[in-house]
Amino acid sequence: MAEVLMVIGTIQSMSAQKKRAKDQQQQQQLQSRRSQRQAIREAQIRRAQSQVQAGAMGVTGGSGLAGGQASLSSQLGGNLGFAGQMSGLSQEISMQQSKAQQGQAIASLGSNMPSMF
């Protein structure tokens, strides 16, 4: 009877671990999207500030303003790329941790099998 309860407990534990891994992945995706939106928002603010400053100085165009705007866009692209890479790595780490925990649970289940028979 104790062995059967151990097996049931192991199965429930594996199920909970899978759900937790799925929830963690969803959480990481939400955090990544939030970070991306924040980076875009900050870039828009910086772009608007540079236009206001240029307008206050009487500059309405020119290569300096265009270069500054391009630099802001480039920085935004770099930040978004980095955030995407970090999110992908975090998801991979979580998946591997989940697989390791599942493997341990299966090994535990397997070690209990001989005593059941």
Protein backbone atom coordinates (compact mmCIF):
# COMPACT_ATOMS: atom_id res chain seq x y z
CA MET A 1 0.00 0.00 0.00
CA ALA A 2 2.82 2.43 0.84
CA GLU A 3 4.43 1.77 -2.54
CA VAL A 4 1.20 2.56 -4.36
CA LEU A 5 0.92 5.84 -2.47
CA MET A 6 4.53 6.67 -3.37
CA VAL A 7 3.78 6.06 -7.04
CA ILE A 8 0.66 8.22 -6.91
CA GLY A 9 2.60 10.96 -5.13
CA THR A 10 5.36 10.81 -7.74
CA ILE A 11 2.85 11.09 -10.57
CA GLN A 12 1.16 14.05 -8.92
CA SER A 13 4.53 15.67 -8.36
CA MET A 14 5.44 15.26 -12.05
CA SER A 15 2.13 16.79 -13.07
CA ALA A 16 2.65 19.77 -10.76
CA GLN A 17 6.18 20.28 -12.08
CA LYS A 18 4.92 20.37 -15.67
CA LYS A 19 2.28 22.95 -14.75
CA ARG A 20 4.82 25.04 -12.87
CA ALA A 21 7.19 24.98 -15.85
CA LYS A 22 4.38 26.08 -18.15
CA ASP A 23 3.41 28.88 -15.76
CA GLN A 24 7.03 30.03 -15.47
CA GLN A 25 7.35 30.13 -19.25
CA GLN A 26 4.20 32.24 -19.52
CA GLN A 27 5.48 34.55 -16.80
CA GLN A 28 8.79 35.01 -18.62
CA GLN A 29 7.01 35.78 -21.88
CA LEU A 30 4.89 38.42 -20.14
CA GLN A 31 7.98 39.98 -18.56
CA SER A 32 9.75 40.00 -21.91
CA ARG A 33 6.84 41.71 -23.66
CA ARG A 34 6.64 44.26 -20.85
CA SER A 35 10.35 45.01 -21.14
CA GLN A 36 10.03 45.41 -24.90
CA ARG A 37 7.12 47.83 -24.54
CA GLN A 38 9.09 49.81 -21.95
CA ALA A 39 12.13 50.01 -24.24
CA ILE A 40 9.95 51.22 -27.13
CA ARG A 41 8.27 53.78 -24.87
CA GLU A 42 11.62 55.11 -23.66
CA ALA A 43 12.94 55.35 -27.22
CA GLN A 44 9.84 57.31 -28.26
CA ILE A 45 10.33 59.68 -25.35
CA ARG A 46 14.01 60.23 -26.20
CA ARG A 47 13.15 60.80 -29.86
CA ALA A 48 10.48 63.36 -28.94
CA GLN A 49 12.85 65.09 -26.52
CA SER A 50 15.53 65.39 -29.17
CA GLN A 51 13.02 66.87 -31.62
CA VAL A 52 11.85 69.39 -29.03
CA GLN A 53 15.42 70.37 -28.22
CA ALA A 54 16.29 70.68 -31.89
CA GLY A 55 13.18 72.80 -32.48
CA ALA A 56 14.08 75.04 -29.54
CA MET A 57 17.46 75.64 -31.13
CA GLY A 58 15.85 76.40 -34.49
CA VAL A 59 16.90 73.16 -36.13
CA THR A 60 14.07 71.54 -38.06
CA GLY A 61 16.09 69.02 -40.05
CA GLY A 62 19.61 68.22 -41.04
CA SER A 63 22.04 65.41 -40.79
CA GLY A 64 22.79 65.91 -37.09
CA LEU A 65 19.16 65.45 -36.08
CA ALA A 66 18.71 62.57 -38.50
CA GLY A 67 21.84 60.90 -37.17
CA GLY A 68 20.65 61.27 -33.59
CA GLN A 69 17.27 59.79 -34.49
CA ALA A 70 18.96 56.88 -36.27
CA SER A 71 21.17 56.27 -33.26
CA LEU A 72 18.12 56.06 -31.00
CA SER A 73 16.51 53.54 -33.34
CA SER A 74 19.70 51.49 -33.42
CA GLN A 75 19.92 51.46 -29.63
CA LEU A 76 16.29 50.37 -29.42
CA GLY A 77 16.95 47.50 -31.82
CA GLY A 78 19.94 46.39 -29.79
CA ASN A 79 17.98 46.53 -26.54
CA LEU A 80 15.08 44.56 -27.99
CA GLY A 81 17.43 41.95 -29.43
CA PHE A 82 19.20 41.51 -26.10
CA ALA A 83 15.90 41.24 -24.23
CA GLY A 84 14.71 38.60 -26.67
CA GLN A 85 17.88 36.57 -26.25
CA MET A 86 17.68 36.74 -22.46
CA SER A 87 14.05 35.65 -22.55
CA GLY A 88 14.90 32.72 -24.79
CA LEU A 89 17.74 31.64 -22.50
CA SER A 90 15.52 31.89 -19.42
CA GLN A 91 12.90 29.72 -21.09
CA GLU A 92 15.52 27.14 -22.07
CA ILE A 93 16.91 27.05 -18.53
CA SER A 94 13.42 26.57 -17.09
CA MET A 95 12.67 23.77 -19.54
CA GLN A 96 15.91 21.99 -18.70
CA GLN A 97 15.25 22.31 -14.96
CA SER A 98 11.80 20.87 -15.48
CA LYS A 99 13.21 17.96 -17.48
CA ALA A 100 15.76 17.27 -14.77
CA GLN A 101 13.08 17.26 -12.09
CA GLN A 102 10.91 14.96 -14.18
CA GLY A 103 13.85 12.63 -14.64
CA GLN A 104 14.38 12.54 -10.90
CA ALA A 105 10.73 11.80 -10.33
CA ILE A 106 10.79 8.98 -12.89
CA ALA A 107 13.94 7.56 -11.31
CA SER A 108 12.25 7.69 -7.93
CA LEU A 109 9.23 5.95 -9.38
CA GLY A 110 11.45 3.32 -10.95
CA SER A 111 13.33 2.69 -7.73
CA ASN A 112 10.01 2.01 -5.99
CA MET A 113 8.78 -0.44 -8.61
CA PRO A 114 10.69 -3.55 -7.45
CA SER A 115 9.24 -3.28 -3.97
CA MET A 116 5.75 -3.26 -5.43
CA PHE A 117 6.12 -6.73 -6.91
